[in-house]
Amino acid sequence: MKWIVWDKGAVEKYISSRKSYRLSILGYTIVIEVDSINSAWIAALDIVSTYGVEIRDWRGRRLVLPYTLIINIDNPLNTEGLDKASLDEYFNEMLSGEIREGESYTYGHRLFKWFGLNQVEKAINKIRNGYLTQGHITLYDPRVDLESNDIPCITEMHIKVIENEVSLRASIRSWDVARALPFNLYALAKLSELIAKELKKSVGKLIIIADEPHIY
């Protein structure tokens, strides 16, 4: 799907036939609970279309949600309704940890090679060795990102074990929910699966805290 702000009717028609989520509004925070990535996608599009405001900035015109959006996904490995082949290609590219010419960053490079270390491996070892509150990963580096206009949207993530399940929580500073959401969520879910296997646990919930979700 590719949505543009100016075709709001098409977005609403698609959403109305498929949306299924639980919603709570707490001050300037919107919390939604869903079962799958596809449900999260539809819910996020619905929320931004309903509560978003149109803005203009250096990236052009966008419909932006002025509130913080929290998404709780119960079954993040459920790929029903998605193009799994494309998602797997994206995740495998991330796992490579490579950064190509012309790219200022990739998530894989920040996860597995930035700072001169494999942050995922370090987080797993922290949890395995009993440091249960220290399974934290940082993708934002102020040394370079403060001076750049092309910086990671996913800025950090926290991994914890709850009732023998690995739960991953990620923070997103700005998010193209129409185009990037399914790829980002699938990659995070598969990363949770990778970590869970290393810790001999099951995959639990995926939780997203997103500031400025938007649709171009």
C-alpha atoms as a PDB file:
ATOM      1  CA  MET A   1       0.000   0.000   0.000  1.00  0.00           C
ATOM      2  CA  LYS A   2       1.115   3.564  -0.639  1.00  0.00           C
ATOM      3  CA  TRP A   3      -0.927   6.331   0.898  1.00  0.00           C
ATOM      4  CA  ILE A   4      -0.682  10.056   0.357  1.00  0.00           C
ATOM      5  CA  VAL A   5      -2.231  12.653   2.610  1.00  0.00           C
ATOM      6  CA  TRP A   6      -4.455  13.975  -0.134  1.00  0.00           C
ATOM      7  CA  ASP A   7      -6.297  10.681  -0.664  1.00  0.00           C
ATOM      8  CA  LYS A   8      -7.663  10.360   2.856  1.00  0.00           C
ATOM      9  CA  GLY A   9     -10.900   8.803   1.602  1.00  0.00           C
ATOM     10  CA  ALA A  10      -9.037   5.834   0.120  1.00  0.00           C
ATOM     11  CA  VAL A  11      -7.201   5.299   3.395  1.00  0.00           C
ATOM     12  CA  GLU A  12     -10.410   5.409   5.426  1.00  0.00           C
ATOM     13  CA  LYS A  13     -12.216   3.011   3.081  1.00  0.00           C
ATOM     14  CA  TYR A  14      -9.413   0.455   3.339  1.00  0.00           C
ATOM     15  CA  ILE A  15      -9.133   0.802   7.108  1.00  0.00           C
ATOM     16  CA  SER A  16     -12.852   0.602   7.875  1.00  0.00           C
ATOM     17  CA  SER A  17     -13.124  -2.871   6.346  1.00  0.00           C
ATOM     18  CA  ARG A  18     -10.171  -4.328   8.247  1.00  0.00           C
ATOM     19  CA  LYS A  19      -9.520  -2.537  11.521  1.00  0.00           C
ATOM     20  CA  SER A  20      -9.576  -4.496  14.746  1.00  0.00           C
ATOM     21  CA  TYR A  21      -7.856  -3.015  17.770  1.00  0.00           C
ATOM     22  CA  ARG A  22      -8.384  -1.833  21.328  1.00  0.00           C
ATOM     23  CA  LEU A  23      -7.721   1.844  21.982  1.00  0.00           C
ATOM     24  CA  SER A  24      -7.125   3.989  25.060  1.00  0.00           C
ATOM     25  CA  ILE A  25      -6.374   7.714  25.122  1.00  0.00           C
ATOM     26  CA  LEU A  26      -4.423   8.906  28.159  1.00  0.00           C
ATOM     27  CA  GLY A  27      -3.649  12.623  28.015  1.00  0.00           C
ATOM     28  CA  TYR A  28      -1.314  13.122  25.052  1.00  0.00           C
ATOM     29  CA  THR A  29      -0.750   9.381  24.627  1.00  0.00           C
ATOM     30  CA  ILE A  30      -2.731   6.937  22.487  1.00  0.00           C
ATOM     31  CA  VAL A  31      -2.403   3.255  23.369  1.00  0.00           C
ATOM     32  CA  ILE A  32      -3.542   0.503  21.023  1.00  0.00           C
ATOM     33  CA  GLU A  33      -3.537  -3.254  21.554  1.00  0.00           C
ATOM     34  CA  VAL A  34      -3.492  -5.597  18.564  1.00  0.00           C
ATOM     35  CA  ASP A  35      -2.829  -9.236  17.756  1.00  0.00           C
ATOM     36  CA  SER A  36      -0.540  -8.997  14.718  1.00  0.00           C
ATOM     37  CA  ILE A  37       1.716  -6.739  12.668  1.00  0.00           C
ATOM     38  CA  ASN A  38      -0.939  -6.300   9.996  1.00  0.00           C
ATOM     39  CA  SER A  39      -3.471  -5.256  12.646  1.00  0.00           C
ATOM     40  CA  ALA A  40      -0.925  -2.777  13.999  1.00  0.00           C
ATOM     41  CA  TRP A  41      -0.452  -1.370  10.494  1.00  0.00           C
ATOM     42  CA  ILE A  42      -4.166  -0.836   9.967  1.00  0.00           C
ATOM     43  CA  ALA A  43      -4.591   0.603  13.453  1.00  0.00           C
ATOM     44  CA  ALA A  44      -1.720   3.073  13.036  1.00  0.00           C
ATOM     45  CA  LEU A  45      -3.078   4.255   9.679  1.00  0.00           C
ATOM     46  CA  ASP A  46      -6.495   4.717  11.260  1.00  0.00           C
ATOM     47  CA  ILE A  47      -5.124   6.638  14.238  1.00  0.00           C
ATOM     48  CA  VAL A  48      -2.981   8.987  12.123  1.00  0.00           C
ATOM     49  CA  SER A  49      -5.821   9.539   9.626  1.00  0.00           C
ATOM     50  CA  THR A  50      -8.275  10.296  12.451  1.00  0.00           C
ATOM     51  CA  TYR A  51      -6.176  12.367  14.839  1.00  0.00           C
ATOM     52  CA  GLY A  52      -3.321  13.608  12.648  1.00  0.00           C
ATOM     53  CA  VAL A  53      -2.728  17.216  11.645  1.00  0.00           C
ATOM     54  CA  GLU A  54      -1.251  18.414   8.369  1.00  0.00           C
ATOM     55  CA  ILE A  55       2.162  20.049   8.587  1.00  0.00           C
ATOM     56  CA  ARG A  56       4.820  21.349   6.194  1.00  0.00           C
ATOM     57  CA  ASP A  57       8.505  21.040   6.916  1.00  0.00           C
ATOM     58  CA  TRP A  58      11.762  20.425   5.066  1.00  0.00           C
ATOM     59  CA  ARG A  59      10.445  16.995   3.994  1.00  0.00           C
ATOM     60  CA  GLY A  60       7.264  18.368   2.449  1.00  0.00           C
ATOM     61  CA  ARG A  61       3.631  17.931   3.462  1.00  0.00           C
ATOM     62  CA  ARG A  62       2.691  15.211   5.921  1.00  0.00           C
ATOM     63  CA  LEU A  63      -0.189  14.140   8.132  1.00  0.00           C
ATOM     64  CA  VAL A  64       1.382  13.871  11.598  1.00  0.00           C
ATOM     65  CA  LEU A  65      -0.031  12.489  14.830  1.00  0.00           C
ATOM     66  CA  PRO A  66       0.799  15.099  17.507  1.00  0.00           C
ATOM     67  CA  TYR A  67       0.524  12.519  20.292  1.00  0.00           C
ATOM     68  CA  THR A  68       2.767   9.684  21.409  1.00  0.00           C
ATOM     69  CA  LEU A  69       1.536   6.345  20.051  1.00  0.00           C
ATOM     70  CA  ILE A  70       2.077   3.140  22.032  1.00  0.00           C
ATOM     71  CA  ILE A  71       1.408  -0.163  20.268  1.00  0.00           C
ATOM     72  CA  ASN A  72       1.201  -3.488  22.106  1.00  0.00           C
ATOM     73  CA  ILE A  73       1.379  -6.485  19.737  1.00  0.00           C
ATOM     74  CA  ASP A  74       0.434  -9.818  21.306  1.00  0.00           C
ATOM     75  CA  ASN A  75       1.624 -12.106  18.487  1.00  0.00           C
ATOM     76  CA  PRO A  76       4.351 -10.220  16.590  1.00  0.00           C
ATOM     77  CA  LEU A  77       5.402 -13.257  14.522  1.00  0.00           C
ATOM     78  CA  ASN A  78       1.950 -13.473  12.938  1.00  0.00           C
ATOM     79  CA  THR A  79       2.522 -12.361   9.314  1.00  0.00           C
ATOM     80  CA  GLU A  80      -0.991 -12.946   8.016  1.00  0.00           C
ATOM     81  CA  GLY A  81      -1.910 -10.389   5.353  1.00  0.00           C
ATOM     82  CA  LEU A  82       1.692  -9.354   4.687  1.00  0.00           C
ATOM     83  CA  ASP A  83       4.222 -10.021   1.922  1.00  0.00           C
ATOM     84  CA  LYS A  84       6.516 -12.303   3.916  1.00  0.00           C
ATOM     85  CA  ALA A  85       9.092 -12.645   1.125  1.00  0.00           C
ATOM     86  CA  SER A  86       9.707  -8.884   1.097  1.00  0.00           C
ATOM     87  CA  LEU A  87       9.816  -8.788   4.881  1.00  0.00           C
ATOM     88  CA  ASP A  88      12.354 -11.621   5.024  1.00  0.00           C
ATOM     89  CA  GLU A  89      14.521  -9.860   2.443  1.00  0.00           C
ATOM     90  CA  TYR A  90      14.495  -6.723   4.594  1.00  0.00           C
ATOM     91  CA  PHE A  91      15.345  -8.636   7.769  1.00  0.00           C
ATOM     92  CA  ASN A  92      18.137 -10.645   6.144  1.00  0.00           C
ATOM     93  CA  GLU A  93      19.676  -7.427   4.835  1.00  0.00           C
ATOM     94  CA  MET A  94      19.527  -6.013   8.345  1.00  0.00           C
ATOM     95  CA  LEU A  95      21.225  -9.111   9.767  1.00  0.00           C
ATOM     96  CA  SER A  96      24.167  -8.609   7.404  1.00  0.00           C
ATOM     97  CA  GLY A  97      25.092  -5.449   9.292  1.00  0.00           C
ATOM     98  CA  GLU A  98      26.396  -3.891   6.091  1.00  0.00           C
ATOM     99  CA  ILE A  99      26.275  -0.242   5.110  1.00  0.00           C
ATOM    100  CA  ARG A 100      26.465   0.630   1.424  1.00  0.00           C
ATOM    101  CA  GLU A 101      27.995   3.631  -0.271  1.00  0.00           C
ATOM    102  CA  GLY A 102      25.723   6.635   0.052  1.00  0.00           C
ATOM    103  CA  GLU A 103      23.988   5.362   3.203  1.00  0.00           C
ATOM    104  CA  SER A 104      24.523   7.296   6.427  1.00  0.00           C
ATOM    105  CA  TYR A 105      23.380   4.379   8.552  1.00  0.00           C
ATOM    106  CA  THR A 106      21.547   1.045   8.541  1.00  0.00           C
ATOM    107  CA  TYR A 107      19.846  -0.594  11.499  1.00  0.00           C
ATOM    108  CA  GLY A 108      21.953  -3.702  11.041  1.00  0.00           C
ATOM    109  CA  HIS A 109      25.179  -1.711  11.125  1.00  0.00           C
ATOM    110  CA  ARG A 110      24.090   0.121  14.278  1.00  0.00           C
ATOM    111  CA  LEU A 111      23.025  -3.143  15.932  1.00  0.00           C
ATOM    112  CA  PHE A 112      25.932  -5.384  15.060  1.00  0.00           C
ATOM    113  CA  LYS A 113      28.945  -3.189  14.221  1.00  0.00           C
ATOM    114  CA  TRP A 114      28.547   0.391  15.456  1.00  0.00           C
ATOM    115  CA  PHE A 115      30.539   1.413  18.527  1.00  0.00           C
ATOM    116  CA  GLY A 116      32.852  -1.461  17.568  1.00  0.00           C
ATOM    117  CA  LEU A 117      30.635  -4.129  19.089  1.00  0.00           C
ATOM    118  CA  ASN A 118      27.661  -6.422  18.588  1.00  0.00           C
ATOM    119  CA  GLN A 119      25.017  -4.867  20.826  1.00  0.00           C
ATOM    120  CA  VAL A 120      22.576  -7.747  20.398  1.00  0.00           C
ATOM    121  CA  GLU A 121      25.135 -10.279  21.564  1.00  0.00           C
ATOM    122  CA  LYS A 122      26.074  -8.058  24.509  1.00  0.00           C
ATOM    123  CA  ALA A 123      22.424  -7.660  25.554  1.00  0.00           C
ATOM    124  CA  ILE A 124      21.845 -11.422  25.358  1.00  0.00           C
ATOM    125  CA  ASN A 125      24.890 -12.093  27.528  1.00  0.00           C
ATOM    126  CA  LYS A 126      23.778  -9.507  30.079  1.00  0.00           C
ATOM    127  CA  ILE A 127      20.409 -11.222  30.484  1.00  0.00           C
ATOM    128  CA  ARG A 128      21.915 -14.709  30.411  1.00  0.00           C
ATOM    129  CA  ASN A 129      24.309 -13.757  33.206  1.00  0.00           C
ATOM    130  CA  GLY A 130      21.561 -12.425  35.444  1.00  0.00           C
ATOM    131  CA  TYR A 131      21.686  -8.702  34.660  1.00  0.00           C
ATOM    132  CA  LEU A 132      18.006  -8.743  33.777  1.00  0.00           C
ATOM    133  CA  THR A 133      17.514  -4.960  33.645  1.00  0.00           C
ATOM    134  CA  GLN A 134      20.501  -4.309  31.373  1.00  0.00           C
ATOM    135  CA  GLY A 135      19.330  -5.816  28.080  1.00  0.00           C
ATOM    136  CA  HIS A 136      19.421  -2.433  26.388  1.00  0.00           C
ATOM    137  CA  ILE A 137      20.445  -1.453  22.852  1.00  0.00           C
ATOM    138  CA  THR A 138      21.100   2.070  21.545  1.00  0.00           C
ATOM    139  CA  LEU A 139      20.911   2.952  17.852  1.00  0.00           C
ATOM    140  CA  TYR A 140      21.160   6.732  18.189  1.00  0.00           C
ATOM    141  CA  ASP A 141      24.669   8.155  18.428  1.00  0.00           C
ATOM    142  CA  PRO A 142      24.714  11.882  19.296  1.00  0.00           C
ATOM    143  CA  ARG A 143      28.315  12.182  18.114  1.00  0.00           C
ATOM    144  CA  VAL A 144      27.147  11.918  14.493  1.00  0.00           C
ATOM    145  CA  ASP A 145      23.340  12.077  14.542  1.00  0.00           C
ATOM    146  CA  LEU A 146      23.038  15.542  16.073  1.00  0.00           C
ATOM    147  CA  GLU A 147      24.713  16.986  12.971  1.00  0.00           C
ATOM    148  CA  SER A 148      22.838  14.827  10.432  1.00  0.00           C
ATOM    149  CA  ASN A 149      19.430  15.082   8.773  1.00  0.00           C
ATOM    150  CA  ASP A 150      19.377  11.334   8.084  1.00  0.00           C
ATOM    151  CA  ILE A 151      19.278   9.627  11.457  1.00  0.00           C
ATOM    152  CA  PRO A 152      17.756   6.379  12.748  1.00  0.00           C
ATOM    153  CA  CYS A 153      14.007   6.449  13.339  1.00  0.00           C
ATOM    154  CA  ILE A 154      14.302   3.550  15.779  1.00  0.00           C
ATOM    155  CA  THR A 155      16.535   5.047  18.462  1.00  0.00           C
ATOM    156  CA  GLU A 156      16.752   2.385  21.169  1.00  0.00           C
ATOM    157  CA  MET A 157      15.254  -0.878  22.400  1.00  0.00           C
ATOM    158  CA  HIS A 158      14.965  -2.776  25.655  1.00  0.00           C
ATOM    159  CA  ILE A 159      14.782  -6.545  26.055  1.00  0.00           C
ATOM    160  CA  LYS A 160      13.388  -8.301  29.085  1.00  0.00           C
ATOM    161  CA  VAL A 161      12.104 -11.717  30.067  1.00  0.00           C
ATOM    162  CA  ILE A 162       8.572 -11.857  31.469  1.00  0.00           C
ATOM    163  CA  GLU A 163       7.023 -15.213  32.408  1.00  0.00           C
ATOM    164  CA  ASN A 164       9.615 -17.081  30.342  1.00  0.00           C
ATOM    165  CA  GLU A 165       8.951 -14.934  27.261  1.00  0.00           C
ATOM    166  CA  VAL A 166      11.228 -12.388  25.603  1.00  0.00           C
ATOM    167  CA  SER A 167       9.497  -9.027  25.324  1.00  0.00           C
ATOM    168  CA  LEU A 168      11.077  -6.310  23.195  1.00  0.00           C
ATOM    169  CA  ARG A 169      10.210  -2.622  23.542  1.00  0.00           C
ATOM    170  CA  ALA A 170      11.442  -0.165  20.913  1.00  0.00           C
ATOM    171  CA  SER A 171      11.350   3.647  20.811  1.00  0.00           C
ATOM    172  CA  ILE A 172      10.765   5.381  17.481  1.00  0.00           C
ATOM    173  CA  ARG A 173      11.354   9.146  17.199  1.00  0.00           C
ATOM    174  CA  SER A 174       9.556   9.600  13.833  1.00  0.00           C
ATOM    175  CA  TRP A 175       7.705   6.942  11.834  1.00  0.00           C
ATOM    176  CA  ASP A 176       6.318   6.584   8.321  1.00  0.00           C
ATOM    177  CA  VAL A 177       3.459   4.268   9.270  1.00  0.00           C
ATOM    178  CA  ALA A 178       2.263   3.778   5.693  1.00  0.00           C
ATOM    179  CA  ARG A 179       5.512   2.481   4.218  1.00  0.00           C
ATOM    180  CA  ALA A 180       7.996   1.611   6.962  1.00  0.00           C
ATOM    181  CA  LEU A 181       5.817   0.165   9.723  1.00  0.00           C
ATOM    182  CA  PRO A 182       5.438  -3.467   8.559  1.00  0.00           C
ATOM    183  CA  PHE A 183       9.143  -3.793   7.755  1.00  0.00           C
ATOM    184  CA  ASN A 184      10.241  -2.248  11.044  1.00  0.00           C
ATOM    185  CA  LEU A 185       7.860  -4.345  13.130  1.00  0.00           C
ATOM    186  CA  TYR A 186       8.740  -7.574  11.354  1.00  0.00           C
ATOM    187  CA  ALA A 187      12.456  -6.952  11.804  1.00  0.00           C
ATOM    188  CA  LEU A 188      11.931  -6.264  15.513  1.00  0.00           C
ATOM    189  CA  ALA A 189       9.785  -9.388  15.875  1.00  0.00           C
ATOM    190  CA  LYS A 190      12.410 -11.556  14.164  1.00  0.00           C
ATOM    191  CA  LEU A 191      15.102  -9.978  16.315  1.00  0.00           C
ATOM    192  CA  SER A 192      13.017 -10.963  19.350  1.00  0.00           C
ATOM    193  CA  GLU A 193      12.843 -14.500  17.988  1.00  0.00           C
ATOM    194  CA  LEU A 194      16.614 -14.621  17.509  1.00  0.00           C
ATOM    195  CA  ILE A 195      17.180 -13.410  21.072  1.00  0.00           C
ATOM    196  CA  ALA A 196      14.564 -15.791  22.478  1.00  0.00           C
ATOM    197  CA  LYS A 197      16.268 -18.766  20.828  1.00  0.00           C
ATOM    198  CA  GLU A 198      19.614 -17.784  22.337  1.00  0.00           C
ATOM    199  CA  LEU A 199      18.015 -17.506  25.775  1.00  0.00           C
ATOM    200  CA  LYS A 200      15.908 -20.662  25.267  1.00  0.00           C
ATOM    201  CA  LYS A 201      12.705 -18.696  25.792  1.00  0.00           C
ATOM    202  CA  SER A 202       9.521 -18.049  23.825  1.00  0.00           C
ATOM    203  CA  VAL A 203       8.721 -14.853  21.931  1.00  0.00           C
ATOM    204  CA  GLY A 204       6.484 -12.534  23.916  1.00  0.00           C
ATOM    205  CA  LYS A 205       4.935  -9.172  23.179  1.00  0.00           C
ATOM    206  CA  LEU A 206       6.388  -6.453  20.973  1.00  0.00           C
ATOM    207  CA  ILE A 207       5.853  -2.960  22.338  1.00  0.00           C
ATOM    208  CA  ILE A 208       6.426   0.238  20.368  1.00  0.00           C
ATOM    209  CA  ILE A 209       6.592   3.790  21.691  1.00  0.00           C
ATOM    210  CA  ALA A 210       6.404   6.104  18.675  1.00  0.00           C
ATOM    211  CA  ASP A 211       6.641   9.884  18.538  1.00  0.00           C
ATOM    212  CA  GLU A 212       5.347  11.699  15.457  1.00  0.00           C
ATOM    213  CA  PRO A 213       3.877   8.795  13.450  1.00  0.00           C
ATOM    214  CA  HIS A 214       2.987  10.194  10.039  1.00  0.00           C
ATOM    215  CA  ILE A 215       1.687   9.560   6.529  1.00  0.00           C
ATOM    216  CA  TYR A 216       3.154  11.289   3.473  1.00  0.00           C
END
